[in-house]
Amino acid sequence: MSIIPSFFGNQRTNVFDPFSLDIWDPFQGFPFSTGALTGQQGGGGSDAARETSQLANTRIDWKETPEAHVFRADLPGVKKEEVKVEVEEGRVLQISGERSRESEEKNDKWHRVERSSGKFLRRFRLPENAKMEEVKATMENGVLTVCIPKVEQKKPEVKSIDISGSSAA
C-alpha cells in the first residue's frame, strides 16, 4: 500500500523508507520539469531541454598557472574521436562533442536512466595573454586536458640614473 496518493504519481513505495531513491517531482510532466532536464524517464520535456541540460552538465575546470591556461573536462565514456576542440576568432576556445545513447532493446525494462547522453558544447573567451596558435589537447581516462601557453610578459627594464650636480645644499 502506497503512502503517497496516486495523483502524485506513485513514485515511492514508502515515503519513510530512507533507502528509497525515487523522489517525488512536483513538476513532473511540465515542459520545464526537473526530470526532463536530467533526462530521467517519465519527464515531460523535449529533446531540446535534454540537450540544453547537457551543455550545462559538462563539467570543466579552468586554472591559470604562471605558464599556461589549463582546462580539464570530465567526459567519461566519450572517445577522443567524438570530441572537438576548436579555437575561434576573438580568442574563443570551444569544446564540443556527443555522448552516444545506449541502444534500447524492445524487451528491456529500464528502472532508472541517470547517465546523460547527447550533444555538449562549452565556450570560453580567453584573455589576451593566451597563445592561441599553440593550443594542445590530450585525452586520457575520460578526462580531456587542453593546455594553452601564455605569452611571456617582459618585465620592465629598470635602469638607474645617476644624478649629477653638487651635493651641497
Protein backbone atom coordinates (compact mmCIF):
# COMPACT_ATOMS: atom_id res chain seq x y z
CA MET A 1 0.00 0.00 0.00
CA SER A 2 1.41 3.33 -1.01
CA ILE A 3 1.56 6.22 1.41
CA ILE A 4 1.64 8.81 -1.40
CA PRO A 5 -1.70 9.11 -3.21
CA SER A 6 -1.92 8.08 -6.86
CA PHE A 7 -2.39 11.66 -8.10
CA PHE A 8 1.24 12.29 -7.05
CA GLY A 9 2.40 9.63 -9.47
CA ASN A 10 3.08 6.69 -7.08
CA GLN A 11 6.81 7.19 -7.44
CA ARG A 12 7.79 5.96 -3.98
CA THR A 13 6.62 2.80 -2.37
CA ASN A 14 7.15 4.18 1.12
CA VAL A 15 7.79 7.83 1.89
CA PHE A 16 9.52 6.88 5.16
CA ASP A 17 11.95 4.42 3.55
CA PRO A 18 15.39 6.13 3.75
CA PHE A 19 16.80 3.73 1.13
CA SER A 20 14.20 4.59 -1.48
CA LEU A 21 15.91 6.77 -4.08
CA ASP A 22 12.79 7.67 -6.03
CA ILE A 23 11.89 11.22 -5.09
CA TRP A 24 8.58 12.78 -5.97
CA ASP A 25 8.98 15.59 -8.51
CA PRO A 26 6.07 18.04 -8.19
CA PHE A 27 6.89 19.45 -11.65
CA GLN A 28 6.91 16.10 -13.46
CA GLY A 29 5.04 16.36 -16.73
CA PHE A 30 5.64 20.08 -17.19
CA PRO A 31 7.87 21.17 -20.11
CA PHE A 32 10.42 22.57 -17.65
CA SER A 33 10.33 19.67 -15.20
CA THR A 34 13.50 18.60 -13.45
CA GLY A 35 13.03 15.08 -14.82
CA ALA A 36 13.08 16.45 -18.34
CA LEU A 37 16.26 18.41 -17.68
CA THR A 38 18.11 15.50 -16.17
CA GLY A 39 16.96 13.06 -18.82
CA GLN A 40 15.06 10.83 -16.40
CA GLN A 41 12.39 8.62 -17.81
CA GLY A 42 8.86 9.91 -17.48
CA GLY A 43 9.80 13.58 -17.76
CA GLY A 44 7.58 15.63 -19.99
CA GLY A 45 10.34 17.69 -21.56
CA SER A 46 11.53 17.99 -25.10
CA ASP A 47 14.77 16.76 -26.63
CA ALA A 48 15.88 20.39 -26.78
CA ALA A 49 15.54 20.67 -23.00
CA ARG A 50 17.60 17.50 -22.57
CA GLU A 51 20.29 18.78 -24.94
CA THR A 52 20.35 22.15 -23.16
CA SER A 53 20.92 20.23 -19.95
CA GLN A 54 23.97 18.55 -21.48
CA LEU A 55 25.50 21.94 -22.19
CA ALA A 56 25.40 22.74 -18.52
CA ASN A 57 26.29 19.26 -17.27
CA THR A 58 29.69 19.05 -18.94
CA ARG A 59 31.93 19.95 -16.02
CA ILE A 60 35.08 21.85 -16.93
CA ASP A 61 37.78 23.24 -14.65
CA TRP A 62 39.90 26.20 -15.81
CA LYS A 63 43.06 27.07 -13.95
CA GLU A 64 45.74 29.59 -14.77
CA THR A 65 49.33 28.76 -13.95
CA PRO A 66 52.30 31.09 -14.46
CA GLU A 67 52.99 29.31 -17.78
CA ALA A 68 49.57 28.39 -19.21
CA HIS A 69 45.78 28.23 -19.05
CA VAL A 70 44.72 24.63 -18.37
CA PHE A 71 41.20 23.27 -18.98
CA ARG A 72 40.10 19.84 -17.74
CA ALA A 73 36.77 18.29 -18.74
CA ASP A 74 35.32 15.07 -17.35
CA LEU A 75 33.99 13.12 -20.34
CA PRO A 76 33.52 9.54 -19.15
CA GLY A 77 32.62 7.09 -21.89
CA VAL A 78 33.41 9.55 -24.68
CA LYS A 79 36.12 8.65 -27.19
CA LYS A 80 38.59 11.27 -28.33
CA GLU A 81 37.19 10.95 -31.87
CA GLU A 82 33.81 12.15 -30.54
CA VAL A 83 35.26 15.38 -29.08
CA LYS A 84 36.20 18.55 -30.97
CA VAL A 85 38.47 21.26 -29.58
CA GLU A 86 38.43 24.42 -31.68
CA VAL A 87 39.83 27.92 -31.46
CA GLU A 88 37.68 30.64 -32.98
CA GLU A 89 38.45 34.22 -33.86
CA GLY A 90 38.11 36.55 -30.94
CA ARG A 91 40.13 34.29 -28.63
CA VAL A 92 37.33 31.76 -28.04
CA LEU A 93 38.04 28.15 -27.07
CA GLN A 94 35.20 25.77 -27.96
CA ILE A 95 34.91 22.21 -26.65
CA SER A 96 32.09 20.15 -28.16
CA GLY A 97 31.06 16.59 -28.86
CA GLU A 98 28.39 13.99 -28.46
CA ARG A 99 27.88 11.28 -25.91
CA SER A 100 26.04 8.38 -27.60
CA ARG A 101 22.91 6.92 -26.06
CA GLU A 102 22.89 3.21 -25.30
CA SER A 103 20.77 1.25 -27.76
CA GLU A 104 17.41 0.09 -26.45
CA GLU A 105 16.03 -3.38 -26.96
CA LYS A 106 12.25 -3.82 -27.03
CA ASN A 107 12.48 -6.46 -24.31
CA ASP A 108 14.49 -4.23 -21.96
CA LYS A 109 12.80 -2.65 -18.97
CA TRP A 110 14.64 0.43 -17.71
CA HIS A 111 14.32 1.17 -14.00
CA ARG A 112 16.43 4.32 -13.95
CA VAL A 113 18.19 6.43 -16.59
CA GLU A 114 20.63 8.86 -14.99
CA ARG A 115 23.64 8.83 -17.28
CA SER A 116 23.45 11.70 -19.69
CA SER A 117 23.68 11.41 -23.45
CA GLY A 118 23.51 13.87 -26.28
CA LYS A 119 25.50 16.81 -27.56
CA PHE A 120 27.56 19.10 -25.37
CA LEU A 121 29.19 22.42 -26.08
CA ARG A 122 31.19 24.81 -23.90
CA ARG A 123 32.84 28.06 -24.97
CA PHE A 124 35.41 30.18 -23.14
CA ARG A 125 36.70 33.64 -24.03
CA LEU A 126 40.42 33.62 -23.34
CA PRO A 127 42.48 36.55 -22.07
CA GLU A 128 44.95 38.48 -24.21
CA ASN A 129 47.95 36.61 -22.80
CA ALA A 130 46.92 33.24 -24.35
CA LYS A 131 48.99 31.92 -27.27
CA MET A 132 46.11 30.77 -29.46
CA GLU A 133 48.41 29.23 -32.08
CA GLU A 134 49.97 26.79 -29.57
CA VAL A 135 46.89 25.04 -28.12
CA LYS A 136 47.41 21.37 -27.23
CA ALA A 137 44.78 18.82 -26.18
CA THR A 138 45.10 15.31 -24.72
CA MET A 139 42.51 12.76 -23.62
CA GLU A 140 43.29 10.14 -21.00
CA ASN A 141 40.97 8.01 -18.87
CA GLY A 142 37.90 10.05 -19.82
CA VAL A 143 39.50 13.40 -18.94
CA LEU A 144 40.17 15.95 -21.68
CA THR A 145 43.03 18.33 -20.90
CA VAL A 146 43.51 21.44 -23.04
CA CYS A 147 46.68 23.47 -22.42
CA ILE A 148 47.10 26.97 -23.82
CA PRO A 149 50.52 28.53 -23.17
CA LYS A 150 50.70 32.15 -22.04
CA VAL A 151 52.68 34.91 -23.71
CA GLU A 152 55.76 35.66 -21.66
CA GLN A 153 55.39 39.01 -20.07
CA LYS A 154 58.52 41.11 -20.35
CA LYS A 155 59.49 42.61 -17.08
CA PRO A 156 60.07 46.31 -17.47
CA GLU A 157 63.74 47.04 -17.54
CA VAL A 158 64.75 49.31 -14.71
CA LYS A 159 67.76 51.48 -15.33
CA SER A 160 69.34 53.50 -12.58
CA ILE A 161 70.06 57.11 -13.45
CA ASP A 162 72.99 58.89 -11.87
CA ILE A 163 72.11 62.29 -10.52
CA SER A 164 74.61 64.98 -11.36
CA GLY A 165 75.24 68.21 -9.58
CA SER A 166 76.76 69.33 -6.32
CA SER A 167 75.80 67.59 -3.14
CA ALA A 168 75.96 70.79 -1.06
CA ALA A 169 72.65 72.21 -0.06
